[in-house]
Each structure stands twice: as structure tokens, then as C-alpha cells.
């Protein structure tokens, strides 16, 4: 396969974030000429970029994708763009107007600038949220998106359709990647909507019973962040355009099973406690069908849940020790 990345200039919006920082690390293996990161550091951090911030091939621009002039300055002269900047799903629900400006308006401006400056290809971070509660399990990309009930899922689907129309109208090549439940070191740990894994790791750390809301039968498809980064690079290296791909681990894991594996990798004998579910989750199942990505991108996930949770736990407990030590 031709190495498109070698000696090329690449922009990553949200490159200081959880997934974006791993994409930078993966790209650097292919010897680009330059990687430009634009990130407002609301979700991204300098800590995420520690391994490459001093690399002369990487330029970090602290700024917001809503700044059209700054965005254009970053896009000028680049060959490829990874569009990863986004609000979290709950942040979109809390402030739809901000969600519109970040998720839709900025994506439109980016597409316009990519056409203007003749960008060769865009890799767009979409989401399994576009499906809502899917019709089929495993879920193929052909499932319809009409069960989505979230602003976030609607915005991600709109982004896919935007790039599809720009491919038709302006020959702008793109690939959209529909991430399932991404986890791993550097994942968000703070704030009101902390991931369930992090809450349970805190319980393990503190010796407190981990809580499960509801019966624990809700399932997800947990995909390790380094596999997601590899899928992004595979999408760029391929000659495929005008396609959307699922990026999951192709394993359905219930919350009860997830907690059991997390306790096992941490040698914990804590007993969970159940609480009444205080919200109605309209999406009770997730399970990706990755066969399209395997066929067209030559991508397959390689990190199983046990190894991934071990790496997450190791990172998180080291992080907590560092915080305590610094205090």
C-alpha cells in the first residue's frame, strides 16, 4: 500500500483529545512532514500530548474550531484532515446551540475550507450514536439512523451527509468512522458525566462496593483506543472514499460482565450493589459488524477487553498516585 502519510502535511482538529492524541502517535510512525493540531484544551490536555509535544514534526495550535480564520490558517497547505473535534453527547444535550456551533457550523466551515484549499482527503470521526437502537445485531453500516434520539447522533449523521454531498459536488474525498464505545488510557475521568469504568475504578481504589444502576443487562461494544487510532490511519492510507465504517471490537459486553472483568484484572473481590435505574436508556444494546472495514480498510481490532481494561487500570491508578503525590 502506498504510504500517503510520508512527507505529507496533516491537520487534526481535537488532536490533544483522548482519541486524537493516539492518532498523532500512529501517524508519526509513517514519517509525515508535519502534523498540525488545533485544540481548545476543553477536553484535550497537554498530558495527552506528552509523548510528541516536543517533536519538531508536530505543531500545536491552542484554539477553537469555531474560529474560522484560525481554522483556515491551519488548513492552508495541508494534504489531509482528521476532523475529530466535538462536544460530548451530554454537552450537546445540555446546550444544543453550542452543539450546533461546534458540531454542525464548524464542520460546514471545515468542509468549505477543505474544498477551497484542495485537501486530498478528510477522515471524519462519526459515531455509532447515529443508529440509536439499531435494528440488527451485529449492526452493519446499512442499518437506518431513524432510531437516533440525540442531538449528538443527529449532528454526527449530518456531518457524514455533508461530506457525502461535498464528494458529489466538489470531489472532496472522505471516509467517516462510526466509533462504538471507545475506552483506554487518557479517557475522560473528570466531570459530571464520568465514564462508568472510571467510577468503578474509583470504587476499587477506595474499597467501596461498585454500583450498577438497573439490572446490568445493557450491553456495549468496547473498542480499545489504540485500535481506533489504527482504524483512522487505515482509512487515510486506503484508496476508499465516500464510505462510512463501523469501528468496534465486535463483542457485546453487558455492564455486569464489564464489571466482572474489571474486578478480575484488578484482583478485587468487591461485591457490586444494584440501584434502581433513574433514567431510561433508549439504547440498550451495541454490537458492531466490522466486516466492511476488514474488507475495504484491512482493519481488525487487536486488543481484547481484558488486556484493554488492564492497561486502563494501570494508567488510572498511576495517575491517581501522581495527583496524590503532587498534592
Protein backbone atom coordinates (compact mmCIF):
# COMPACT_ATOMS: atom_id res chain seq x y z
CA UNK A 1 0.00 0.00 0.00
CA UNK A 2 1.30 3.44 -0.93
CA UNK A 3 2.29 5.46 2.15
CA UNK A 4 0.30 8.67 1.65
CA UNK A 5 1.39 9.94 5.04
CA UNK A 6 5.12 10.05 4.25
CA UNK A 7 6.27 13.66 3.81
CA UNK A 8 2.67 14.97 3.88
CA UNK A 9 1.11 17.76 5.95
CA UNK A 10 -1.80 16.73 8.16
CA UNK A 11 -4.25 18.68 10.31
CA UNK A 12 -6.03 17.10 13.27
CA UNK A 13 -8.84 19.01 14.92
CA UNK A 14 -9.14 17.87 18.53
CA UNK A 15 -5.68 16.32 18.35
CA UNK A 16 -4.97 16.89 22.05
CA UNK A 17 -8.00 14.79 22.98
CA UNK A 18 -8.38 11.19 24.06
CA UNK A 19 -8.56 9.57 20.62
CA UNK A 20 -6.83 12.37 18.70
CA UNK A 21 -3.59 12.08 20.65
CA UNK A 22 -3.31 8.38 19.75
CA UNK A 23 -3.94 9.20 16.09
CA UNK A 24 -1.00 11.64 16.22
CA UNK A 25 1.23 8.91 17.67
CA UNK A 26 0.12 6.45 14.99
CA UNK A 27 0.70 8.96 12.19
CA UNK A 28 4.21 9.76 13.39
CA UNK A 29 5.22 6.15 12.68
CA UNK A 30 4.66 6.89 8.97
CA UNK A 31 7.02 9.91 8.80
CA UNK A 32 4.80 12.84 7.85
CA UNK A 33 6.36 16.19 7.03
CA UNK A 34 4.19 17.97 9.59
CA UNK A 35 1.22 17.40 11.87
CA UNK A 36 -0.78 20.45 12.96
CA UNK A 37 -3.07 20.09 15.96
CA UNK A 38 -5.82 22.56 16.74
CA UNK A 39 -7.46 22.08 20.14
CA UNK A 40 -9.05 24.44 22.67
CA UNK A 41 -8.00 22.17 25.59
CA UNK A 42 -11.52 21.98 26.99
CA UNK A 43 -11.37 18.20 26.66
CA UNK A 44 -7.81 17.79 25.36
CA UNK A 45 -4.76 18.16 27.61
CA UNK A 46 -1.03 18.76 27.44
CA UNK A 47 -0.63 15.48 29.32
CA UNK A 48 -2.24 13.62 26.40
CA UNK A 49 0.39 15.14 24.08
CA UNK A 50 3.37 14.49 26.33
CA UNK A 51 4.93 11.88 24.02
CA UNK A 52 5.04 14.18 20.98
CA UNK A 53 4.69 17.81 22.08
CA UNK A 54 8.43 18.40 21.69
CA UNK A 55 8.59 16.57 18.37
CA UNK A 56 9.70 19.05 15.65
CA UNK A 57 7.19 17.46 13.23
CA UNK A 58 4.25 18.47 15.46
CA UNK A 59 2.82 21.97 15.72
CA UNK A 60 0.23 22.58 18.43
CA UNK A 61 -2.18 25.48 17.98
CA UNK A 62 -4.30 26.27 21.02
CA UNK A 63 -7.55 27.48 19.51
CA UNK A 64 -11.15 26.71 18.72
CA UNK A 65 -12.57 25.20 15.53
CA UNK A 66 -15.31 27.84 15.76
CA UNK A 67 -12.63 30.44 14.89
CA UNK A 68 -12.98 30.33 11.10
CA UNK A 69 -9.92 32.49 10.44
CA UNK A 70 -7.72 30.33 12.65
CA UNK A 71 -9.15 27.19 11.07
CA UNK A 72 -8.32 28.46 7.60
CA UNK A 73 -4.76 29.29 8.62
CA UNK A 74 -4.37 25.73 9.86
CA UNK A 75 -5.88 24.14 6.74
CA UNK A 76 -3.82 26.14 4.23
CA UNK A 77 -1.20 23.88 2.70
CA UNK A 78 -2.25 20.62 4.36
CA UNK A 79 -2.79 17.42 2.39
CA UNK A 80 -5.13 15.62 4.77
CA UNK A 81 -7.50 16.46 7.61
CA UNK A 82 -8.72 14.37 10.54
CA UNK A 83 -11.83 16.09 11.90
CA UNK A 84 -12.13 14.87 15.50
CA UNK A 85 -13.14 17.99 17.46
CA UNK A 86 -16.56 17.53 19.08
CA UNK A 87 -18.64 18.08 22.18
CA UNK A 88 -19.61 15.13 24.33
CA UNK A 89 -23.10 13.71 23.85
CA UNK A 90 -24.31 15.10 27.20
CA UNK A 91 -22.82 18.53 26.49
CA UNK A 92 -24.82 18.69 23.25
CA UNK A 93 -27.98 17.86 25.17
CA UNK A 94 -27.20 20.49 27.82
CA UNK A 95 -26.54 23.21 25.24
CA UNK A 96 -27.92 22.46 21.76
CA UNK A 97 -26.86 25.88 20.49
CA UNK A 98 -23.24 25.22 21.43
CA UNK A 99 -23.64 21.76 19.94
CA UNK A 100 -24.82 23.34 16.69
CA UNK A 101 -21.86 25.73 16.54
CA UNK A 102 -19.25 23.05 17.30
CA UNK A 103 -20.75 20.01 15.62
CA UNK A 104 -22.52 21.47 12.57
CA UNK A 105 -21.42 25.02 11.79
CA UNK A 106 -17.72 24.32 12.33
CA UNK A 107 -17.91 21.10 10.33
CA UNK A 108 -19.51 23.03 7.47
CA UNK A 109 -16.76 25.68 7.62
CA UNK A 110 -14.13 22.94 7.64
CA UNK A 111 -15.64 21.24 4.59
CA UNK A 112 -15.75 24.56 2.75
CA UNK A 113 -12.10 25.26 3.56
CA UNK A 114 -11.05 21.75 2.54
CA UNK A 115 -12.57 22.35 -0.90
CA UNK A 116 -11.06 25.84 -1.13
CA UNK A 117 -7.55 24.65 -0.24
CA UNK A 118 -7.76 21.39 -2.21
CA UNK A 119 -7.38 18.97 0.70
CA UNK A 120 -6.92 15.47 -0.69
CA UNK A 121 -8.95 13.56 1.90
CA UNK A 122 -10.86 14.06 5.16
CA UNK A 123 -11.23 11.40 7.85
CA UNK A 124 -14.35 12.27 9.81
CA UNK A 125 -14.98 10.96 13.33
CA UNK A 126 -18.59 9.85 13.44
CA UNK A 127 -20.31 7.64 16.00
CA UNK A 128 -22.45 4.55 16.50
CA UNK A 129 -24.88 7.04 18.06
CA UNK A 130 -26.21 7.61 14.53
CA UNK A 131 -28.04 4.27 14.81
CA UNK A 132 -29.84 4.91 18.08
CA UNK A 133 -31.14 1.45 19.00
CA UNK A 134 -30.09 -0.49 15.91
CA UNK A 135 -32.35 -2.87 14.01
CA UNK A 136 -29.79 -5.67 13.67
CA UNK A 137 -27.09 -7.18 15.90
CA UNK A 138 -24.30 -7.27 14.90
CA UNK A 139 -25.08 -3.90 13.33
CA UNK A 140 -23.98 -3.27 9.72
CA UNK A 141 -23.48 0.19 8.26
CA UNK A 142 -26.66 -0.30 6.23
CA UNK A 143 -28.89 -0.05 9.32
CA UNK A 144 -31.02 3.08 9.13
CA UNK A 145 -30.41 6.02 11.51
CA UNK A 146 -34.03 6.79 12.29
CA UNK A 147 -33.93 5.48 15.86
CA UNK A 148 -31.37 8.05 16.97
CA UNK A 149 -32.90 10.41 19.54
CA UNK A 150 -29.85 12.53 20.42
CA UNK A 151 -28.64 15.88 19.14
CA UNK A 152 -25.12 14.42 19.11
CA UNK A 153 -26.10 11.46 16.92
CA UNK A 154 -28.04 13.74 14.59
CA UNK A 155 -25.09 16.11 14.30
CA UNK A 156 -22.69 13.26 13.53
CA UNK A 157 -25.02 11.92 10.84
CA UNK A 158 -25.37 15.41 9.37
CA UNK A 159 -21.56 15.58 9.17
CA UNK A 160 -21.50 12.31 7.25
CA UNK A 161 -24.12 13.60 4.83
CA UNK A 162 -22.30 16.90 4.44
CA UNK A 163 -19.10 15.20 3.38
CA UNK A 164 -21.04 12.86 1.12
CA UNK A 165 -22.64 15.81 -0.68
CA UNK A 166 -19.26 17.55 -0.97
CA UNK A 167 -17.81 14.42 -2.52
CA UNK A 168 -20.62 14.55 -5.09
CA UNK A 169 -20.45 18.31 -5.69
CA UNK A 170 -16.75 19.07 -5.28
CA UNK A 171 -14.95 15.66 -5.43
CA UNK A 172 -13.76 16.03 -1.82
CA UNK A 173 -12.63 12.57 -0.75
CA UNK A 174 -13.60 11.48 2.75
CA UNK A 175 -14.16 8.47 4.99
CA UNK A 176 -16.46 8.50 8.04
CA UNK A 177 -15.69 6.24 11.00
CA UNK A 178 -18.52 5.28 13.35
CA UNK A 179 -16.87 4.66 16.71
CA UNK A 180 -18.57 2.35 19.18
CA UNK A 181 -17.67 2.53 22.91
CA UNK A 182 -14.06 3.75 22.96
CA UNK A 183 -12.04 3.28 26.16
CA UNK A 184 -8.44 3.20 27.33
CA UNK A 185 -5.73 5.32 28.94
CA UNK A 186 -6.32 9.10 28.63
CA UNK A 187 -10.10 8.70 28.56
CA UNK A 188 -12.11 11.44 30.26
CA UNK A 189 -12.06 10.97 34.03
CA UNK A 190 -13.48 14.19 35.42
CA UNK A 191 -16.79 15.98 35.31
CA UNK A 192 -20.41 15.18 35.90
CA UNK A 193 -20.65 12.57 33.15
CA UNK A 194 -17.68 10.43 34.14
CA UNK A 195 -17.43 7.10 32.36
CA UNK A 196 -18.81 4.11 34.27
CA UNK A 197 -15.41 2.39 34.10
CA UNK A 198 -13.78 5.30 35.92
CA UNK A 199 -16.44 5.34 38.63
CA UNK A 200 -15.86 1.64 39.20
CA UNK A 201 -12.07 2.07 39.28
CA UNK A 202 -12.57 4.68 41.98
CA UNK A 203 -14.63 2.14 43.93
CA UNK A 204 -11.85 -0.45 43.56
CA UNK A 205 -9.29 2.12 44.68
CA UNK A 206 -11.38 3.11 47.71
CA UNK A 207 -12.59 -0.38 48.61
CA UNK A 208 -16.24 0.59 48.15
CA UNK A 209 -18.93 -1.55 46.50
CA UNK A 210 -19.28 -0.62 42.81
CA UNK A 211 -22.80 0.41 41.88
CA UNK A 212 -24.82 -0.90 38.95
CA UNK A 213 -27.94 1.04 38.05
CA UNK A 214 -30.66 -1.24 36.78
CA UNK A 215 -30.10 -4.96 36.21
CA UNK A 216 -26.79 -4.53 34.39
CA UNK A 217 -28.05 -6.14 31.19
CA UNK A 218 -27.39 -3.09 28.99
CA UNK A 219 -24.63 -4.01 26.53
CA UNK A 220 -21.93 -2.07 24.75
CA UNK A 221 -19.20 -2.83 22.23
CA UNK A 222 -15.99 -1.68 23.90
CA UNK A 223 -13.17 -0.88 21.47
CA UNK A 224 -9.68 -0.02 22.67
CA UNK A 225 -8.46 3.46 21.79
CA UNK A 226 -5.25 2.31 20.04
CA UNK A 227 -7.35 0.15 17.71
CA UNK A 228 -9.48 3.21 16.92
CA UNK A 229 -6.32 5.19 16.08
CA UNK A 230 -5.19 2.41 13.75
CA UNK A 231 -8.58 2.47 12.02
CA UNK A 232 -8.15 6.20 11.38
CA UNK A 233 -4.75 5.68 9.77
CA UNK A 234 -6.05 2.72 7.74
CA UNK A 235 -8.86 4.94 6.44
CA UNK A 236 -6.35 7.54 5.28
CA UNK A 237 -3.96 5.04 3.70
CA UNK A 238 -6.72 3.29 1.75
CA UNK A 239 -7.96 4.46 -1.63
CA UNK A 240 -11.54 4.19 -0.36
CA UNK A 241 -13.74 7.30 -0.43
CA UNK A 242 -17.40 8.15 0.17
CA UNK A 243 -17.88 5.37 2.71
CA UNK A 244 -18.79 5.03 6.39
CA UNK A 245 -17.29 2.27 8.54
CA UNK A 246 -18.10 0.82 11.93
CA UNK A 247 -15.17 0.75 14.35
CA UNK A 248 -15.93 -1.63 17.20
CA UNK A 249 -14.47 -4.72 18.83
CA UNK A 250 -17.33 -6.93 17.58
CA UNK A 251 -18.02 -8.20 21.10
CA UNK A 252 -21.18 -7.48 23.07
CA UNK A 253 -20.44 -6.93 26.77
CA UNK A 254 -23.08 -6.28 29.43
CA UNK A 255 -22.38 -3.89 32.28
CA UNK A 256 -22.39 -6.88 34.66
CA UNK A 257 -19.78 -8.64 32.53
CA UNK A 258 -17.73 -5.46 32.21
CA UNK A 259 -17.58 -5.03 35.98
CA UNK A 260 -16.66 -8.68 36.47
CA UNK A 261 -13.68 -8.39 34.09
CA UNK A 262 -12.61 -5.09 35.65
CA UNK A 263 -12.65 -6.65 39.14
CA UNK A 264 -10.71 -9.67 37.89
CA UNK A 265 -7.90 -7.71 36.23
CA UNK A 266 -7.51 -5.73 39.45
CA UNK A 267 -7.63 -8.82 41.71
CA UNK A 268 -10.58 -7.33 43.55
CA UNK A 269 -13.22 -9.32 45.44
CA UNK A 270 -15.62 -6.40 45.88
CA UNK A 271 -19.32 -7.23 45.55
CA UNK A 272 -21.45 -4.94 43.40
CA UNK A 273 -24.62 -3.30 44.63
CA UNK A 274 -27.62 -2.61 42.43
CA UNK A 275 -29.61 0.60 42.43
CA UNK A 276 -32.83 1.45 40.67
CA UNK A 277 -32.19 2.95 37.26
CA UNK A 278 -33.03 6.65 37.45
CA UNK A 279 -33.07 7.31 33.71
CA UNK A 280 -34.45 5.47 30.71
CA UNK A 281 -31.70 4.43 28.33
CA UNK A 282 -33.19 4.27 24.81
CA UNK A 283 -30.13 2.32 23.59
CA UNK A 284 -29.92 -0.98 25.44
CA UNK A 285 -27.58 -2.80 23.03
CA UNK A 286 -24.48 -2.13 20.96
CA UNK A 287 -22.63 -4.63 18.77
CA UNK A 288 -20.63 -3.67 15.71
CA UNK A 289 -20.27 -5.55 12.46
CA UNK A 290 -16.75 -4.63 11.29
CA UNK A 291 -16.71 -6.83 8.19
CA UNK A 292 -16.82 -3.85 5.83
CA UNK A 293 -13.77 -2.26 7.49
CA UNK A 294 -11.95 -5.58 7.38
CA UNK A 295 -12.65 -5.97 3.67
CA UNK A 296 -12.06 -2.40 2.45
CA UNK A 297 -9.64 -0.95 5.02
CA UNK A 298 -7.85 -4.13 6.06
CA UNK A 299 -8.67 -3.14 9.65
CA UNK A 300 -9.32 -5.52 12.52
CA UNK A 301 -9.18 -4.73 16.26
CA UNK A 302 -6.37 -6.49 18.09
CA UNK A 303 -6.83 -5.62 21.79
CA UNK A 304 -9.29 -7.70 23.80
CA UNK A 305 -11.31 -6.38 26.71
CA UNK A 306 -9.20 -7.99 29.43
CA UNK A 307 -5.93 -6.54 28.14
CA UNK A 308 -7.56 -3.18 27.46
CA UNK A 309 -9.03 -2.93 30.96
CA UNK A 310 -5.68 -3.92 32.45
CA UNK A 311 -3.98 -1.07 30.56
CA UNK A 312 -6.73 1.37 31.55
CA UNK A 313 -6.48 0.37 35.22
CA UNK A 314 -2.70 0.62 35.27
CA UNK A 315 -2.81 4.11 33.74
CA UNK A 316 -5.59 5.36 36.01
CA UNK A 317 -4.08 4.19 39.28
CA UNK A 318 -0.69 5.64 38.32
CA UNK A 319 -2.46 8.90 37.51
CA UNK A 320 -4.16 8.95 40.91
CA UNK A 321 -0.85 8.29 42.67
CA UNK A 322 0.74 11.18 40.81
CA UNK A 323 -2.08 13.52 41.81
CA UNK A 324 -1.83 12.49 45.47
CA UNK A 325 1.96 12.81 45.42
CA UNK A 326 1.83 16.29 43.87
CA UNK A 327 -0.72 17.46 46.42
